[in-house]
Every structure is written in C-alpha cells, then in structure tokens.
C-alpha cells in the first residue's frame, strides 16, 4: 500500500524540518516547499492527500495559494499553519477553503499526527 503523500509548504526551516521528520517517521511521504509559487507548482505535479500551508511565505502568501487552489478546483484538504491566532485570519482562510487552521505555537507532535491521521483516513 503506498504511503499517503503530504505536501508541506513552510518557509521556516526549523519548523519545516521538524514536521517533515515527524511525518516521515510516521510513515508518510512528504515533500517540503518553501514559498507559495513552489507550492502551486508542486500541486500541479502531484496532488497531495493533505497540504500544510504556511500563511506568511515569500513569492505568494498562503492566502493567494488558497485562492488559486479554490479557483482551480482542487479538492484535497488544506491545513493552514500560522502564528496568527486572530479570528479574522481564521475566518479569511475558512472562506478561501481551508479545512483547518493550526497555530504553530500550539503545535506538538501528537496533535500534528492526530490531524494528519484524520485527513489521511478520509482520503
């Protein structure tokens, strides 16, 4: 059985590496990208079962990526990663089609894996 493929769009190297290693050690295939333009190109190459999307990235921010994904009709879930914990950011992401909103400062390995398992099971 093939490994579920997860796309991780995170420009912070430390956070991105921690997440990638955690996911790979749990049996997921992970591709890491560091900006919004690269995220959209990676999606066109291979649609993931789940996309983790940072909001504040170079070239195209997470909002622009969400908008592009919605316009192109992609159906996989997107979990937004952000240090922005305000309701306005959450509401904007939800309106643009994000399935979940995850505040990085609240992130721990167990919560991350529980979230991934939930979405991978649905795929």
Protein backbone atom coordinates (compact mmCIF):
# COMPACT_ATOMS: atom_id res chain seq x y z
CA UNK A 1 0.00 0.00 0.00
CA UNK A 2 1.51 3.36 -1.00
CA UNK A 3 2.32 5.95 1.63
CA UNK A 4 -0.10 8.88 1.83
CA UNK A 5 1.56 11.88 0.18
CA UNK A 6 1.63 15.15 2.14
CA UNK A 7 2.80 18.50 0.81
CA UNK A 8 4.35 20.78 3.41
CA UNK A 9 4.60 24.48 2.50
CA UNK A 10 6.65 26.15 5.24
CA UNK A 11 9.41 28.73 4.84
CA UNK A 12 10.77 28.37 8.38
CA UNK A 13 13.50 25.73 8.05
CA UNK A 14 13.36 24.59 11.67
CA UNK A 15 9.59 24.11 11.76
CA UNK A 16 9.54 22.57 8.30
CA UNK A 17 12.27 20.07 9.12
CA UNK A 18 10.66 19.09 12.42
CA UNK A 19 7.34 18.50 10.72
CA UNK A 20 8.87 16.63 7.78
CA UNK A 21 10.81 14.27 10.05
CA UNK A 22 7.81 13.64 12.31
CA UNK A 23 5.59 12.83 9.34
CA UNK A 24 8.16 10.65 7.58
CA UNK A 25 8.91 8.71 10.77
CA UNK A 26 5.17 8.03 11.00
CA UNK A 27 5.05 6.52 7.52
CA UNK A 28 4.01 9.42 5.32
CA UNK A 29 5.64 10.53 2.07
CA UNK A 30 6.41 14.24 2.43
CA UNK A 31 7.54 16.91 0.02
CA UNK A 32 8.66 20.22 1.50
CA UNK A 33 8.45 23.52 -0.35
CA UNK A 34 9.37 26.98 0.88
CA UNK A 35 7.21 29.52 -0.96
CA UNK A 36 3.78 29.93 -2.45
CA UNK A 37 4.81 29.70 -6.10
CA UNK A 38 6.66 26.46 -5.43
CA UNK A 39 3.58 25.16 -3.58
CA UNK A 40 1.33 25.69 -6.58
CA UNK A 41 3.88 24.08 -8.92
CA UNK A 42 4.17 21.05 -6.62
CA UNK A 43 0.38 20.65 -6.52
CA UNK A 44 0.26 20.61 -10.32
CA UNK A 45 2.93 17.88 -10.39
CA UNK A 46 1.15 15.69 -7.85
CA UNK A 47 -1.93 16.40 -5.78
CA UNK A 48 -1.37 15.54 -2.11
CA UNK A 49 -3.86 13.88 0.23
CA UNK A 50 -3.17 16.85 2.53
CA UNK A 51 -1.44 20.22 2.24
CA UNK A 52 0.03 22.01 5.24
CA UNK A 53 0.19 25.67 4.22
CA UNK A 54 2.04 28.48 5.98
CA UNK A 55 0.32 31.84 5.58
CA UNK A 56 3.35 34.11 5.55
CA UNK A 57 5.66 32.89 2.78
CA UNK A 58 7.68 34.55 0.03
CA UNK A 59 6.54 34.96 -3.60
CA UNK A 60 2.87 34.13 -2.88
CA UNK A 61 1.42 34.10 0.60
CA UNK A 62 -0.89 31.38 1.87
CA UNK A 63 -3.99 33.44 1.13
CA UNK A 64 -3.01 33.69 -2.56
CA UNK A 65 -2.27 29.95 -2.65
CA UNK A 66 -5.68 29.14 -1.13
CA UNK A 67 -7.36 31.40 -3.66
CA UNK A 68 -5.52 29.74 -6.57
CA UNK A 69 -6.36 26.26 -5.30
CA UNK A 70 -10.03 27.15 -4.96
CA UNK A 71 -10.14 28.67 -8.45
CA UNK A 72 -8.50 25.60 -9.99
CA UNK A 73 -10.93 23.23 -8.25
CA UNK A 74 -8.51 21.18 -6.14
CA UNK A 75 -10.37 19.08 -3.59
CA UNK A 76 -7.69 17.91 -1.14
CA UNK A 77 -7.81 19.39 2.39
CA UNK A 78 -5.58 22.31 3.32
CA UNK A 79 -4.46 22.84 6.89
CA UNK A 80 -3.22 26.37 7.42
CA UNK A 81 -0.14 26.81 9.62
CA UNK A 82 0.28 30.21 11.16
CA UNK A 83 1.41 32.18 14.15
CA UNK A 84 -1.55 34.49 13.50
CA UNK A 85 -4.15 33.43 16.02
CA UNK A 86 -6.75 36.14 15.37
CA UNK A 87 -10.30 35.33 14.31
CA UNK A 88 -10.06 37.47 11.17
CA UNK A 89 -7.20 35.35 9.75
CA UNK A 90 -9.05 32.14 10.60
CA UNK A 91 -12.27 33.37 9.01
CA UNK A 92 -10.48 34.51 5.86
CA UNK A 93 -8.77 31.12 5.49
CA UNK A 94 -12.05 29.28 6.04
CA UNK A 95 -13.75 31.47 3.43
CA UNK A 96 -10.94 30.57 1.00
CA UNK A 97 -11.47 26.86 1.56
CA UNK A 98 -9.06 25.85 4.33
CA UNK A 99 -10.19 22.72 6.15
CA UNK A 100 -8.39 23.57 9.40
CA UNK A 101 -6.29 26.29 10.96
CA UNK A 102 -3.35 25.27 13.15
CA UNK A 103 -1.50 27.83 15.30
CA UNK A 104 2.20 26.93 15.22
CA UNK A 105 2.88 27.98 18.80
CA UNK A 106 0.31 25.36 19.91
CA UNK A 107 1.80 22.64 17.73
CA UNK A 108 3.08 19.44 19.23
CA UNK A 109 3.92 16.13 17.62
CA UNK A 110 0.86 14.30 18.90
CA UNK A 111 -1.60 16.97 17.75
CA UNK A 112 0.11 17.13 14.35
CA UNK A 113 -0.10 13.36 13.84
CA UNK A 114 -3.71 13.19 15.04
CA UNK A 115 -4.63 15.83 12.49
CA UNK A 116 -2.81 14.03 9.69
CA UNK A 117 -4.35 10.67 10.57
CA UNK A 118 -7.81 12.20 10.48
CA UNK A 119 -7.34 13.65 6.98
CA UNK A 120 -5.38 10.68 5.58
CA UNK A 121 -8.16 8.34 6.72
CA UNK A 122 -10.71 10.42 4.80
CA UNK A 123 -8.64 10.39 1.60
